[in-house]
Amino acid sequence: MKVRLKVVCHELTKRTHWDRSKGFLGGVKLSPVTGVSEENKQFFEATPTGKIEFETINEAALAEFEPGGEYYVTIEKA
């Protein structure tokens, strides 16, 4: 089974990686959308709270996110 979430990006960060040869760590903070549109209201009713946070050294991946942007997240068992 797959679970689909709709989230909003609240914060992007960038800091020096502890292993300076790797450059930086970029951080992304996401949480469930709130009920502005009809679709967002449906997602909010199912998932009213939560958070996803991760850090990456992949600059291209980090560039896919922007504060205030909305994203779908699909979760499936590995």
Foldseek 3Di string as FASTA:
>chain_A
DKDKAKKFWADWDWDQDPPNVLGIKIKIKIWGADPPDPVSPVRCVVGVTDMDMDIDSDPVVSVVHDHGDMDMDMDDDD
